[in-house]
Amino acid sequence: MKVLHITNELTKKNFSIASLVLFISNHLYKSYNFQYSILTSDLERDLFRDKNIYKIELKTWISIFLRIKNLTKNISNFKTVHIHGIWAPIQIFSILVCNFKNKNYVIHPHGMLLDEALRSAGFYKFVYKKIFLFIFKYFISNKTYFVSITDQEKNAIKKFFPKSKITNIYNPIPFKKNNFQSRNKKKQFVYFGRIHPHKNIDLI
């Protein structure tokens, strides 16, 4: 099987999603021999050197007009498309192309539909996102699959896209148990993520 992963950026800023995309891609290749490519609008090549990463810049309406044919061609070459995120032009137009080409595709929102995330950029962006989601739900067919990593996210997806199919798949922890062998064990917490009130870091 050939799988195309689409994400807005593979950068230091977006490292958590980027590293997960690479982990999933490598795991499926090593375990099931699934061929893969990763398509992104923004790439820091010094951080991400995987030879299967390709850049197609879709950030403005002009770039979309010039490169939509290239995006469609890329998507046509793969059996399954895994779209990471929902707000960026490359994600929005990939969803539209997948619908038009009747492709099997999965949307992984990565928490972007949670109420805390919708409100995080201020009131006007919150209103814009709500209006966008109200309109965009008509472009999501009942064949669309979503991946959620928590029950909270699953409920958020159901709220905006009630006809879609949703599967809970929790984020993997890519470590082997023998990495943690120690005679003197003590409890330690390591937090990977941005510091924001809705992350509830204080509960740790």
N, C-alpha and C. Protein backbone atom coordinates (compact mmCIF):
# COMPACT_ATOMS: atom_id res chain seq x y z
N MET A 1 0.84 -1.20 0.00
CA MET A 1 0.00 0.00 0.00
C MET A 1 0.88 1.25 0.00
N LYS A 2 0.45 2.28 -0.71
CA LYS A 2 1.14 3.56 -0.74
C LYS A 2 0.32 4.59 0.03
N VAL A 3 0.96 5.22 1.02
CA VAL A 3 0.27 6.19 1.88
C VAL A 3 0.93 7.55 1.73
N LEU A 4 0.12 8.58 1.55
CA LEU A 4 0.61 9.95 1.48
C LEU A 4 0.19 10.69 2.75
N HIS A 5 1.17 11.19 3.49
CA HIS A 5 0.91 12.02 4.67
C HIS A 5 1.00 13.48 4.27
N ILE A 6 0.00 14.28 4.65
CA ILE A 6 -0.02 15.70 4.32
C ILE A 6 -0.10 16.52 5.60
N THR A 7 0.86 17.41 5.78
CA THR A 7 0.88 18.27 6.96
C THR A 7 1.32 19.67 6.55
N ASN A 8 0.93 20.67 7.30
CA ASN A 8 1.22 22.04 6.91
C ASN A 8 2.70 22.36 6.99
N GLU A 9 3.37 21.88 8.03
CA GLU A 9 4.78 22.22 8.17
C GLU A 9 5.56 21.15 8.91
N LEU A 10 6.79 20.96 8.47
CA LEU A 10 7.75 20.13 9.18
C LEU A 10 8.85 21.08 9.65
N THR A 11 8.60 21.67 10.81
CA THR A 11 9.50 22.68 11.35
C THR A 11 9.69 22.45 12.85
N LYS A 12 10.62 23.19 13.42
CA LYS A 12 10.85 23.11 14.86
C LYS A 12 9.61 23.52 15.63
N LYS A 13 8.90 24.55 15.12
CA LYS A 13 7.69 25.03 15.76
C LYS A 13 6.62 23.93 15.82
N ASN A 14 6.56 23.13 14.79
CA ASN A 14 5.53 22.09 14.69
C ASN A 14 6.11 20.71 14.93
N PHE A 15 7.13 20.64 15.78
CA PHE A 15 7.92 19.41 15.92
C PHE A 15 7.10 18.23 16.43
N SER A 16 6.12 18.48 17.31
CA SER A 16 5.37 17.36 17.90
C SER A 16 4.59 16.61 16.83
N ILE A 17 3.88 17.34 15.96
CA ILE A 17 3.11 16.69 14.89
C ILE A 17 4.07 16.09 13.86
N ALA A 18 5.12 16.84 13.52
CA ALA A 18 6.09 16.37 12.52
C ALA A 18 6.74 15.06 12.94
N SER A 19 7.15 14.96 14.20
CA SER A 19 7.81 13.74 14.67
C SER A 19 6.83 12.57 14.68
N LEU A 20 5.56 12.82 14.97
CA LEU A 20 4.56 11.76 14.95
C LEU A 20 4.34 11.25 13.52
N VAL A 21 4.28 12.18 12.55
CA VAL A 21 4.11 11.80 11.15
C VAL A 21 5.26 10.89 10.72
N LEU A 22 6.47 11.25 11.09
CA LEU A 22 7.64 10.44 10.72
C LEU A 22 7.64 9.09 11.43
N PHE A 23 7.22 9.09 12.70
CA PHE A 23 7.17 7.83 13.45
C PHE A 23 6.17 6.86 12.82
N ILE A 24 4.96 7.35 12.51
CA ILE A 24 3.94 6.52 11.89
C ILE A 24 4.42 5.99 10.55
N SER A 25 5.00 6.86 9.74
CA SER A 25 5.47 6.47 8.41
C SER A 25 6.51 5.38 8.49
N ASN A 26 7.51 5.55 9.37
CA ASN A 26 8.57 4.56 9.50
C ASN A 26 8.07 3.25 10.09
N HIS A 27 7.14 3.35 11.04
CA HIS A 27 6.58 2.14 11.65
C HIS A 27 5.82 1.30 10.63
N LEU A 28 4.98 1.95 9.83
CA LEU A 28 4.20 1.22 8.82
C LEU A 28 5.10 0.62 7.74
N TYR A 29 6.19 1.32 7.44
CA TYR A 29 7.12 0.80 6.44
C TYR A 29 7.86 -0.43 6.97
N LYS A 30 8.37 -0.34 8.21
CA LYS A 30 9.14 -1.44 8.77
C LYS A 30 8.27 -2.65 9.12
N SER A 31 7.04 -2.38 9.58
CA SER A 31 6.17 -3.47 10.03
C SER A 31 5.35 -4.10 8.90
N TYR A 32 4.92 -3.29 7.93
CA TYR A 32 4.00 -3.78 6.90
C TYR A 32 4.48 -3.49 5.48
N ASN A 33 5.67 -2.89 5.37
CA ASN A 33 6.23 -2.54 4.07
C ASN A 33 5.34 -1.56 3.29
N PHE A 34 4.62 -0.70 4.01
CA PHE A 34 3.80 0.33 3.36
C PHE A 34 4.74 1.42 2.83
N GLN A 35 4.67 1.70 1.55
CA GLN A 35 5.44 2.80 0.97
C GLN A 35 4.78 4.12 1.37
N TYR A 36 5.57 5.18 1.55
CA TYR A 36 4.99 6.43 1.98
C TYR A 36 5.74 7.63 1.40
N SER A 37 5.04 8.75 1.37
CA SER A 37 5.64 10.04 1.10
C SER A 37 4.99 11.05 2.03
N ILE A 38 5.69 12.13 2.31
CA ILE A 38 5.17 13.19 3.17
C ILE A 38 5.18 14.49 2.37
N LEU A 39 4.04 15.14 2.32
CA LEU A 39 3.88 16.39 1.57
C LEU A 39 3.64 17.53 2.56
N THR A 40 4.39 18.61 2.42
CA THR A 40 4.27 19.72 3.37
C THR A 40 4.42 21.06 2.65
N SER A 41 3.90 22.12 3.27
CA SER A 41 4.04 23.48 2.71
C SER A 41 5.29 24.19 3.20
N ASP A 42 5.81 23.75 4.35
CA ASP A 42 6.96 24.42 4.96
C ASP A 42 7.89 23.37 5.52
N LEU A 43 9.16 23.44 5.16
CA LEU A 43 10.09 22.38 5.53
C LEU A 43 11.42 22.98 5.98
N GLU A 44 11.88 22.55 7.17
CA GLU A 44 13.23 22.86 7.64
C GLU A 44 14.07 21.62 7.40
N ARG A 45 14.75 21.59 6.26
CA ARG A 45 15.45 20.40 5.80
C ARG A 45 16.58 19.98 6.74
N ASP A 46 17.15 20.93 7.49
CA ASP A 46 18.22 20.58 8.42
C ASP A 46 17.71 19.75 9.59
N LEU A 47 16.40 19.84 9.89
CA LEU A 47 15.80 19.05 10.97
C LEU A 47 15.20 17.74 10.46
N PHE A 48 14.65 17.77 9.26
CA PHE A 48 13.94 16.60 8.72
C PHE A 48 14.55 16.23 7.37
N ARG A 49 15.33 15.15 7.39
CA ARG A 49 16.10 14.79 6.20
C ARG A 49 15.59 13.54 5.49
N ASP A 50 14.44 13.06 5.88
CA ASP A 50 13.87 11.89 5.23
C ASP A 50 13.73 12.14 3.73
N LYS A 51 14.23 11.22 2.91
CA LYS A 51 14.23 11.41 1.46
C LYS A 51 12.82 11.37 0.86
N ASN A 52 11.83 10.92 1.63
CA ASN A 52 10.46 10.82 1.14
C ASN A 52 9.63 12.07 1.45
N ILE A 53 10.27 13.14 1.89
CA ILE A 53 9.57 14.39 2.18
C ILE A 53 9.64 15.32 0.97
N TYR A 54 8.48 15.86 0.58
CA TYR A 54 8.41 16.76 -0.56
C TYR A 54 7.68 18.04 -0.14
N LYS A 55 8.12 19.15 -0.70
CA LYS A 55 7.53 20.44 -0.36
C LYS A 55 6.71 20.97 -1.53
N ILE A 56 5.47 21.39 -1.24
CA ILE A 56 4.64 22.08 -2.22
C ILE A 56 4.01 23.26 -1.50
N GLU A 57 4.47 24.44 -1.81
CA GLU A 57 4.07 25.62 -1.04
C GLU A 57 2.67 26.08 -1.41
N LEU A 58 1.75 25.94 -0.45
CA LEU A 58 0.37 26.40 -0.63
C LEU A 58 0.01 27.29 0.55
N LYS A 59 0.36 28.56 0.43
CA LYS A 59 0.12 29.48 1.55
C LYS A 59 -0.74 30.67 1.17
N THR A 60 -0.78 30.99 -0.12
CA THR A 60 -1.58 32.11 -0.58
C THR A 60 -2.51 31.62 -1.69
N TRP A 61 -3.52 32.44 -2.02
CA TRP A 61 -4.47 32.06 -3.07
C TRP A 61 -3.78 31.93 -4.42
N ILE A 62 -2.75 32.76 -4.66
CA ILE A 62 -2.01 32.68 -5.93
C ILE A 62 -1.26 31.35 -6.01
N SER A 63 -0.59 30.97 -4.91
CA SER A 63 0.15 29.71 -4.91
C SER A 63 -0.78 28.52 -5.05
N ILE A 64 -1.98 28.62 -4.48
CA ILE A 64 -2.96 27.54 -4.61
C ILE A 64 -3.38 27.40 -6.08
N PHE A 65 -3.67 28.53 -6.72
CA PHE A 65 -4.07 28.52 -8.12
C PHE A 65 -2.99 27.92 -9.01
N LEU A 66 -1.72 28.23 -8.70
CA LEU A 66 -0.61 27.76 -9.53
C LEU A 66 -0.27 26.30 -9.29
N ARG A 67 -0.54 25.81 -8.08
CA ARG A 67 -0.05 24.47 -7.72
C ARG A 67 -1.14 23.44 -7.44
N ILE A 68 -2.41 23.79 -7.61
CA ILE A 68 -3.49 22.84 -7.32
C ILE A 68 -3.39 21.61 -8.22
N LYS A 69 -2.94 21.80 -9.46
CA LYS A 69 -2.76 20.67 -10.38
C LYS A 69 -1.68 19.73 -9.88
N ASN A 70 -0.61 20.30 -9.33
CA ASN A 70 0.48 19.51 -8.77
C ASN A 70 0.02 18.73 -7.54
N LEU A 71 -0.79 19.39 -6.70
CA LEU A 71 -1.34 18.73 -5.51
C LEU A 71 -2.23 17.56 -5.91
N THR A 72 -3.10 17.79 -6.90
CA THR A 72 -3.99 16.74 -7.38
C THR A 72 -3.21 15.55 -7.93
N LYS A 73 -2.13 15.83 -8.66
CA LYS A 73 -1.29 14.77 -9.22
C LYS A 73 -0.65 13.95 -8.12
N ASN A 74 -0.16 14.63 -7.08
CA ASN A 74 0.46 13.93 -5.95
C ASN A 74 -0.53 13.00 -5.27
N ILE A 75 -1.73 13.50 -5.00
CA ILE A 75 -2.74 12.72 -4.30
C ILE A 75 -3.18 11.52 -5.15
N SER A 76 -3.24 11.70 -6.47
CA SER A 76 -3.70 10.63 -7.37
C SER A 76 -2.77 9.42 -7.36
N ASN A 77 -1.52 9.62 -6.97
CA ASN A 77 -0.53 8.53 -7.01
C ASN A 77 -0.58 7.62 -5.79
N PHE A 78 -1.48 7.91 -4.83
CA PHE A 78 -1.50 7.14 -3.59
C PHE A 78 -2.86 6.52 -3.34
N LYS A 79 -2.83 5.35 -2.71
CA LYS A 79 -4.07 4.63 -2.40
C LYS A 79 -4.80 5.27 -1.22
N THR A 80 -4.01 5.70 -0.23
CA THR A 80 -4.59 6.28 0.99
C THR A 80 -3.88 7.59 1.32
N VAL A 81 -4.66 8.57 1.79
CA VAL A 81 -4.11 9.88 2.16
C VAL A 81 -4.42 10.14 3.63
N HIS A 82 -3.41 10.52 4.38
CA HIS A 82 -3.55 10.81 5.82
C HIS A 82 -3.26 12.30 6.00
N ILE A 83 -4.30 13.08 6.31
CA ILE A 83 -4.18 14.53 6.42
C ILE A 83 -4.07 14.93 7.89
N HIS A 84 -2.96 15.57 8.23
CA HIS A 84 -2.68 15.94 9.62
C HIS A 84 -3.01 17.42 9.82
N GLY A 85 -4.17 17.70 10.43
CA GLY A 85 -4.60 19.08 10.64
C GLY A 85 -5.75 19.43 9.73
N ILE A 86 -6.31 20.65 9.95
CA ILE A 86 -7.53 20.99 9.20
C ILE A 86 -7.61 22.45 8.78
N TRP A 87 -6.71 23.34 9.26
CA TRP A 87 -6.89 24.76 9.02
C TRP A 87 -6.09 25.31 7.85
N ALA A 88 -4.94 24.75 7.54
CA ALA A 88 -4.05 25.31 6.53
C ALA A 88 -4.56 25.02 5.11
N PRO A 89 -4.22 25.89 4.14
CA PRO A 89 -4.67 25.66 2.76
C PRO A 89 -4.32 24.29 2.21
N ILE A 90 -3.12 23.78 2.49
CA ILE A 90 -2.73 22.47 1.96
C ILE A 90 -3.64 21.37 2.51
N GLN A 91 -4.11 21.53 3.74
CA GLN A 91 -5.01 20.53 4.33
C GLN A 91 -6.42 20.67 3.77
N ILE A 92 -6.92 21.90 3.68
CA ILE A 92 -8.28 22.14 3.18
C ILE A 92 -8.42 21.66 1.75
N PHE A 93 -7.46 22.04 0.89
CA PHE A 93 -7.57 21.67 -0.52
C PHE A 93 -7.26 20.19 -0.75
N SER A 94 -6.47 19.59 0.12
CA SER A 94 -6.25 18.14 0.01
C SER A 94 -7.55 17.38 0.29
N ILE A 95 -8.31 17.85 1.28
CA ILE A 95 -9.61 17.23 1.58
C ILE A 95 -10.55 17.36 0.38
N LEU A 96 -10.60 18.54 -0.23
CA LEU A 96 -11.47 18.76 -1.38
C LEU A 96 -11.05 17.88 -2.56
N VAL A 97 -9.74 17.77 -2.79
CA VAL A 97 -9.24 16.93 -3.89
C VAL A 97 -9.55 15.46 -3.64
N CYS A 98 -9.39 15.01 -2.40
CA CYS A 98 -9.69 13.61 -2.05
C CYS A 98 -11.17 13.30 -2.30
N ASN A 99 -12.03 14.24 -1.95
CA ASN A 99 -13.47 14.05 -2.21
C ASN A 99 -13.74 13.97 -3.72
N PHE A 100 -13.12 14.87 -4.48
CA PHE A 100 -13.33 14.92 -5.92
C PHE A 100 -12.81 13.65 -6.60
N LYS A 101 -11.65 13.13 -6.11
CA LYS A 101 -11.04 11.94 -6.70
C LYS A 101 -11.55 10.64 -6.08
N ASN A 102 -12.47 10.79 -5.10
CA ASN A 102 -13.03 9.61 -4.41
C ASN A 102 -11.94 8.75 -3.77
N LYS A 103 -11.00 9.41 -3.10
CA LYS A 103 -9.88 8.73 -2.47
C LYS A 103 -10.22 8.30 -1.04
N ASN A 104 -9.58 7.23 -0.59
CA ASN A 104 -9.64 6.87 0.82
C ASN A 104 -8.74 7.85 1.58
N TYR A 105 -9.33 8.54 2.56
CA TYR A 105 -8.49 9.47 3.31
C TYR A 105 -8.93 9.56 4.77
N VAL A 106 -7.95 9.93 5.59
CA VAL A 106 -8.13 10.04 7.03
C VAL A 106 -7.72 11.44 7.46
N ILE A 107 -8.54 12.07 8.30
CA ILE A 107 -8.19 13.38 8.87
C ILE A 107 -7.80 13.19 10.33
N HIS A 108 -6.64 13.67 10.68
CA HIS A 108 -6.14 13.60 12.06
C HIS A 108 -6.05 15.06 12.57
N PRO A 109 -7.04 15.55 13.32
CA PRO A 109 -7.08 16.97 13.70
C PRO A 109 -5.99 17.41 14.68
N HIS A 110 -5.39 16.46 15.41
CA HIS A 110 -4.34 16.79 16.38
C HIS A 110 -4.80 17.84 17.40
N GLY A 111 -6.05 17.72 17.87
CA GLY A 111 -6.56 18.61 18.91
C GLY A 111 -7.03 19.96 18.41
N MET A 112 -7.00 20.20 17.11
CA MET A 112 -7.35 21.52 16.57
C MET A 112 -8.83 21.85 16.65
N LEU A 113 -9.67 20.85 16.91
CA LEU A 113 -11.11 21.09 16.99
C LEU A 113 -11.60 21.24 18.42
N LEU A 114 -10.71 21.09 19.39
CA LEU A 114 -11.10 21.28 20.79
C LEU A 114 -11.43 22.75 21.03
N ASP A 115 -12.38 23.00 21.93
CA ASP A 115 -12.84 24.36 22.18
C ASP A 115 -11.69 25.25 22.64
N GLU A 116 -10.79 24.72 23.45
CA GLU A 116 -9.65 25.52 23.94
C GLU A 116 -8.76 25.95 22.78
N ALA A 117 -8.57 25.04 21.81
CA ALA A 117 -7.73 25.36 20.65
C ALA A 117 -8.42 26.38 19.75
N LEU A 118 -9.73 26.25 19.59
CA LEU A 118 -10.48 27.19 18.75
C LEU A 118 -10.41 28.61 19.31
N ARG A 119 -10.38 28.73 20.64
CA ARG A 119 -10.39 30.04 21.29
C ARG A 119 -8.99 30.62 21.50
N SER A 120 -7.95 29.84 21.25
CA SER A 120 -6.60 30.22 21.65
C SER A 120 -6.04 31.43 20.90
N ALA A 121 -6.57 31.74 19.70
CA ALA A 121 -6.01 32.84 18.89
C ALA A 121 -6.84 34.12 18.96
N GLY A 122 -7.78 34.20 19.90
CA GLY A 122 -8.57 35.42 20.04
C GLY A 122 -9.98 35.27 19.50
N PHE A 123 -10.81 36.28 19.79
CA PHE A 123 -12.24 36.22 19.50
C PHE A 123 -12.54 36.16 18.00
N TYR A 124 -11.87 37.02 17.21
CA TYR A 124 -12.20 37.09 15.77
C TYR A 124 -11.83 35.80 15.05
N LYS A 125 -10.69 35.22 15.40
CA LYS A 125 -10.32 33.95 14.78
C LYS A 125 -11.24 32.83 15.23
N PHE A 126 -11.71 32.93 16.47
CA PHE A 126 -12.66 31.93 16.97
C PHE A 126 -13.95 31.97 16.15
N VAL A 127 -14.48 33.18 15.90
CA VAL A 127 -15.69 33.32 15.09
C VAL A 127 -15.46 32.82 13.68
N TYR A 128 -14.30 33.19 13.10
CA TYR A 128 -13.97 32.74 11.73
C TYR A 128 -13.93 31.21 11.65
N LYS A 129 -13.30 30.58 12.64
CA LYS A 129 -13.19 29.12 12.63
C LYS A 129 -14.55 28.44 12.77
N LYS A 130 -15.41 29.02 13.60
CA LYS A 130 -16.76 28.45 13.78
C LYS A 130 -17.56 28.53 12.48
N ILE A 131 -17.46 29.68 11.79
CA ILE A 131 -18.17 29.86 10.52
C ILE A 131 -17.60 28.89 9.48
N PHE A 132 -16.28 28.79 9.44
CA PHE A 132 -15.62 27.88 8.50
C PHE A 132 -16.08 26.43 8.72
N LEU A 133 -16.11 26.00 9.98
CA LEU A 133 -16.51 24.62 10.28
C LEU A 133 -17.97 24.36 9.92
N PHE A 134 -18.82 25.35 10.13
CA PHE A 134 -20.23 25.21 9.77
C PHE A 134 -20.39 24.98 8.27
N ILE A 135 -19.61 25.72 7.47
CA ILE A 135 -19.68 25.56 6.01
C ILE A 135 -18.98 24.29 5.56
N PHE A 136 -17.82 24.03 6.16
CA PHE A 136 -16.97 22.93 5.69
C PHE A 136 -17.57 21.56 5.96
N LYS A 137 -18.48 21.46 6.92
CA LYS A 137 -19.07 20.15 7.23
C LYS A 137 -19.82 19.58 6.02
N TYR A 138 -20.26 20.47 5.11
CA TYR A 138 -20.96 20.00 3.92
C TYR A 138 -20.00 19.43 2.87
N PHE A 139 -18.69 19.64 3.08
CA PHE A 139 -17.69 19.07 2.18
C PHE A 139 -17.09 17.78 2.74
N ILE A 140 -17.53 17.40 3.94
CA ILE A 140 -17.05 16.16 4.56
C ILE A 140 -18.12 15.09 4.34
N SER A 141 -17.78 14.07 3.59
CA SER A 141 -18.76 13.04 3.26
C SER A 141 -18.87 12.01 4.38
N ASN A 142 -19.86 11.15 4.29
CA ASN A 142 -20.01 10.10 5.30
C ASN A 142 -18.98 8.99 5.13
N LYS A 143 -18.14 9.11 4.09
CA LYS A 143 -17.04 8.15 3.89
C LYS A 143 -15.75 8.64 4.54
N THR A 144 -15.77 9.86 5.06
CA THR A 144 -14.56 10.43 5.65
C THR A 144 -14.26 9.78 6.99
N TYR A 145 -13.01 9.43 7.18
CA TYR A 145 -12.57 8.86 8.46
C TYR A 145 -11.79 9.90 9.25
N PHE A 146 -12.03 9.93 10.56
CA PHE A 146 -11.27 10.79 11.46
C PHE A 146 -10.53 9.92 12.46
N VAL A 147 -9.37 10.42 12.89
CA VAL A 147 -8.63 9.80 13.98
C VAL A 147 -8.64 10.76 15.15
N SER A 148 -9.02 10.26 16.33
CA SER A 148 -8.95 11.08 17.55
C SER A 148 -8.01 10.40 18.52
N ILE A 149 -7.39 11.18 19.38
CA ILE A 149 -6.45 10.60 20.35
C ILE A 149 -7.02 10.58 21.77
N THR A 150 -8.19 11.22 21.97
CA THR A 150 -8.85 11.21 23.28
C THR A 150 -10.36 11.18 23.05
N ASP A 151 -11.10 10.82 24.10
CA ASP A 151 -12.56 10.86 24.01
C ASP A 151 -13.06 12.29 23.86
N GLN A 152 -12.35 13.24 24.47
CA GLN A 152 -12.71 14.66 24.36
C GLN A 152 -12.63 15.10 22.90
N GLU A 153 -11.56 14.69 22.21
CA GLU A 153 -11.42 15.06 20.80
C GLU A 153 -12.47 14.36 19.94
N LYS A 154 -12.78 13.12 20.28
CA LYS A 154 -13.82 12.38 19.55
C LYS A 154 -15.16 13.11 19.62
N ASN A 155 -15.49 13.63 20.79
CA ASN A 155 -16.74 14.38 20.96
C ASN A 155 -16.73 15.68 20.17
N ALA A 156 -15.56 16.33 20.09
CA ALA A 156 -15.44 17.56 19.32
C ALA A 156 -15.64 17.30 17.83
N ILE A 157 -15.09 16.19 17.33
CA ILE A 157 -15.26 15.82 15.92
C ILE A 157 -16.73 15.54 15.63
N LYS A 158 -17.38 14.79 16.51
CA LYS A 158 -18.81 14.47 16.35
C LYS A 158 -19.66 15.74 16.31
N LYS A 159 -19.27 16.71 17.10
CA LYS A 159 -20.02 17.97 17.18
C LYS A 159 -20.03 18.69 15.83
N PHE A 160 -18.88 18.73 15.17
CA PHE A 160 -18.77 19.48 13.92
C PHE A 160 -19.03 18.63 12.68
N PHE A 161 -18.72 17.33 12.76
CA PHE A 161 -18.88 16.46 11.59
C PHE A 161 -19.62 15.18 12.02
N PRO A 162 -20.90 15.30 12.30
CA PRO A 162 -21.67 14.18 12.88
C PRO A 162 -21.78 12.94 12.00
N LYS A 163 -21.64 13.07 10.69
CA LYS A 163 -21.79 11.92 9.79
C LYS A 163 -20.51 11.12 9.60
N SER A 164 -19.39 11.64 10.07
CA SER A 164 -18.11 11.00 9.79
C SER A 164 -17.85 9.80 10.70
N LYS A 165 -16.95 8.93 10.25
CA LYS A 165 -16.51 7.77 11.03
C LYS A 165 -15.29 8.17 11.84
N ILE A 166 -15.27 7.80 13.13
CA ILE A 166 -14.19 8.22 14.03
C ILE A 166 -13.59 7.00 14.72
N THR A 167 -12.27 6.95 14.75
CA THR A 167 -11.56 5.89 15.46
C THR A 167 -10.60 6.51 16.46
N ASN A 168 -10.62 6.03 17.70
CA ASN A 168 -9.67 6.47 18.71
C ASN A 168 -8.36 5.70 18.55
N ILE A 169 -7.28 6.41 18.29
CA ILE A 169 -5.95 5.79 18.26
C ILE A 169 -5.04 6.67 19.09
N TYR A 170 -4.60 6.17 20.23
CA TYR A 170 -3.80 6.98 21.14
C TYR A 170 -2.38 7.13 20.61
N ASN A 171 -1.79 8.29 20.86
CA ASN A 171 -0.43 8.54 20.39
C ASN A 171 0.53 7.51 20.96
N PRO A 172 1.40 6.94 20.13
CA PRO A 172 2.35 5.94 20.62
C PRO A 172 3.49 6.60 21.40
N ILE A 173 4.10 5.82 22.28
CA ILE A 173 5.32 6.26 22.98
C ILE A 173 6.46 5.42 22.41
N PRO A 174 7.28 5.98 21.53
CA PRO A 174 8.25 5.17 20.79
C PRO A 174 9.53 4.85 21.56
N PHE A 175 9.38 4.19 22.71
CA PHE A 175 10.53 3.79 23.49
C PHE A 175 10.43 2.31 23.84
N LYS A 176 11.57 1.68 24.00
CA LYS A 176 11.61 0.29 24.44
C LYS A 176 11.76 0.24 25.95
N LYS A 177 11.17 -0.78 26.57
CA LYS A 177 11.20 -0.87 28.03
C LYS A 177 12.62 -0.94 28.58
N ASN A 178 13.52 -1.60 27.84
CA ASN A 178 14.88 -1.76 28.38
C ASN A 178 15.65 -0.45 28.44
N ASN A 179 15.08 0.63 27.84
CA ASN A 179 15.71 1.94 27.96
C ASN A 179 15.58 2.50 29.38
N PHE A 180 14.67 1.93 30.18
CA PHE A 180 14.36 2.50 31.48
C PHE A 180 14.79 1.61 32.65
N GLN A 181 15.59 0.60 32.38
CA GLN A 181 16.03 -0.29 33.45
C GLN A 181 16.95 0.45 34.42
N SER A 182 16.61 0.35 35.69
CA SER A 182 17.40 1.04 36.71
C SER A 182 17.16 0.38 38.06
N ARG A 183 18.18 0.32 38.88
CA ARG A 183 18.02 -0.25 40.23
C ARG A 183 17.29 0.74 41.14
N ASN A 184 17.62 1.99 40.99
CA ASN A 184 17.02 3.02 41.84
C ASN A 184 15.95 3.76 41.03
N LYS A 185 14.74 3.24 41.09
CA LYS A 185 13.66 3.85 40.31
C LYS A 185 12.97 4.94 41.13
N LYS A 186 12.72 6.04 40.48
CA LYS A 186 11.96 7.11 41.12
C LYS A 186 11.03 7.73 40.09
N LYS A 187 9.94 8.27 40.56
CA LYS A 187 8.95 8.85 39.67
C LYS A 187 9.46 10.15 39.06
N GLN A 188 9.34 10.23 37.73
CA GLN A 188 9.70 11.44 37.02
C GLN A 188 8.68 11.69 35.92
N PHE A 189 8.39 12.94 35.67
CA PHE A 189 7.46 13.32 34.61
C PHE A 189 8.20 14.13 33.55
N VAL A 190 7.98 13.77 32.31
CA VAL A 190 8.52 14.55 31.19
C VAL A 190 7.34 15.01 30.35
N TYR A 191 7.28 16.31 30.09
CA TYR A 191 6.16 16.87 29.33
C TYR A 191 6.65 17.32 27.96
N PHE A 192 6.02 16.81 26.90
CA PHE A 192 6.32 17.23 25.54
C PHE A 192 5.12 18.01 25.01
N GLY A 193 5.27 19.27 24.77
CA GLY A 193 4.15 20.05 24.26
C GLY A 193 4.30 21.51 24.64
N ARG A 194 3.39 22.32 24.12
CA ARG A 194 3.48 23.74 24.42
C ARG A 194 2.83 24.02 25.78
N ILE A 195 3.28 25.08 26.41
CA ILE A 195 2.76 25.45 27.72
C ILE A 195 1.55 26.36 27.52
N HIS A 196 0.39 25.86 27.89
CA HIS A 196 -0.86 26.60 27.70
C HIS A 196 -1.82 26.14 28.81
N PRO A 197 -2.66 27.05 29.33
CA PRO A 197 -3.57 26.66 30.42
C PRO A 197 -4.42 25.42 30.14
N HIS A 198 -4.89 25.26 28.87
CA HIS A 198 -5.78 24.13 28.59
C HIS A 198 -5.04 22.78 28.57
N LYS A 199 -3.70 22.81 28.64
CA LYS A 199 -2.94 21.57 28.72
C LYS A 199 -2.98 20.97 30.13
N ASN A 200 -3.42 21.76 31.12
CA ASN A 200 -3.54 21.31 32.51
C ASN A 200 -2.24 20.75 33.10
N ILE A 201 -1.16 21.42 32.79
CA ILE A 201 0.15 20.97 33.30
C ILE A 201 0.20 21.03 34.82
N ASP A 202 -0.56 21.96 35.40
CA ASP A 202 -0.56 22.11 36.86
C ASP A 202 -1.04 20.86 37.55
N LEU A 203 -1.85 20.03 36.87
CA LEU A 203 -2.36 18.80 37.48
C LEU A 203 -1.25 17.76 37.69
N ILE A 204 -0.19 17.86 36.87
CA ILE A 204 0.95 16.94 37.06
C ILE A 204 1.60 17.18 38.40
